[in-house]
Amino acid sequence: MTSDQVPTGRDRLRELLDAVLDEDNRTLTEMAGDAFASPWHFSRQVARGAGESPVALRRRVELERAAWQLAGGASVTEVAFAAGYESVEGFSRAFRRAYGRSPGQSGTARTRDGHWLPAPNGVHFHPPTSLWVTGEQGPRGGDEVTALLVHHALEDTRTLLDLAKGVPEDEYRRPRAPGLEVLRWDGPEESLAAVLDHLVWATEVWLAAVEGADSPVRGADDPATLLARHDRAAPRWLAFVREVSRRGAWGDRLVDALCEPPETFVVGSVVAHVLTFGAHRRQLARHWFRAAGVEVDAGDPIDWLSRRNA
C-alpha cells in the first residue's frame, strides 16, 4: 500500500475500519453516518484514499471472511447470511464471480492468505476477526540479520528451558524480584518460572495473531511442559519470519479488531518487540539461574553461531 492510497496513522486507519467495516453498518448511509458525513462525501473520501468504494471494500472483506469460514467447514447458508446477503443464490453468484468457483468447492486447507482477493489498498480479512494490511515490499538488506536473531532467540530459549529441568522446584519458583513487571500488561514476573513462562507465552500469542488462530490456551509452566510448548511454536514462528523476509513484507500491518479501539501492528515492529523483550527475559533468567547456583553461558549470538558452524 502506498502512502497516498490509504489514510496514514492509527486514528485515520481506525476511522476507515470503524465506518466501513463495522458489523452494524450494512449500507453506505449507515457507514457515512458513523463518520458524520454525507454518503456522497464519505464515498468520495474513501474511494480517493483507498482506491475502492466503501461498499466494494466491505463486500470484498466479507467475501474473504466467507471463504475462510467455508474452508473451515461452515455451511454455505450460514456464511451467506452472516456476510449480509439476502439469499444463498445471491451470495453464490458473488462468490463465484470473485473466486471463480462455487462456495461448495471451498473446503480447502486454511492458510494465512489463501482467502485473499485482489485489493488496491492491501486491506484483507485476517481470521478470526481481524484485518491484515499489506505494505509495499521493501529492500531485503538486513533481513538476514533479523532472521539470524530470531533463530538464535528460539534456540537460546530452548537451551534455557532444558537447563531449567535440573533446577530444584523451590529455586525454580522462588520470588527473586517482588513486584517486577517486564511489561505492565503481562503482570508480575518475580521468579525464574514466571520469566520462562512469559518467554514462551509471548511467542504463542503473537504466532496465533499472525496465523489467524484462536487465542491460545496457556499451558502449565513446569520446565518439561514449557519445553514442549516452545517446540510446538518455535518452528512456526521462525517459518513466519523467514516468509516475511522472503517477501520483504516488514511493512505489512495486522489490524486487531478485538481491541477497543482497534490496534494496528506493523509486522516488523511485532518481530522487533518479541526480540527485544525476549532478549531481556533470557538475560534475566540467566541472572536467576546463577543466583540458584546453576552455571549458564552468556547467551552470545557470536558463540552460538560459531558452534553451529563448527
Foldseek 3Di string as FASTA:
>chain_A
DDPQQAPDDDVRVLLLCCLLAPQPDPDLCSSCVSVVHHSVVVQVVNCRRHVDGSNRVLLQQLQLQLLQVLLVPDDLAVSCVSSPHPDSVVVQVVNCVQPVDGSNPSNHDDFQPPSHTDGSFQWHAGADGWIKRFDDQDDLPPLVVLLLLLVLLLVLLLVLLVLQLPFDPCLQAPFQDPPDDLDPVLGDDRGLLSLSQVLLQLLQQVLCQSGRHDGDDRDDRRSVVSSVSSVVRSVSSSVVSVVCSVRSGQQMWMWAVVDVNIDIDRNVVSSVVSSVSSVVSSQVSQVSCVVSVHDDDPSDSVVVVVVVVD
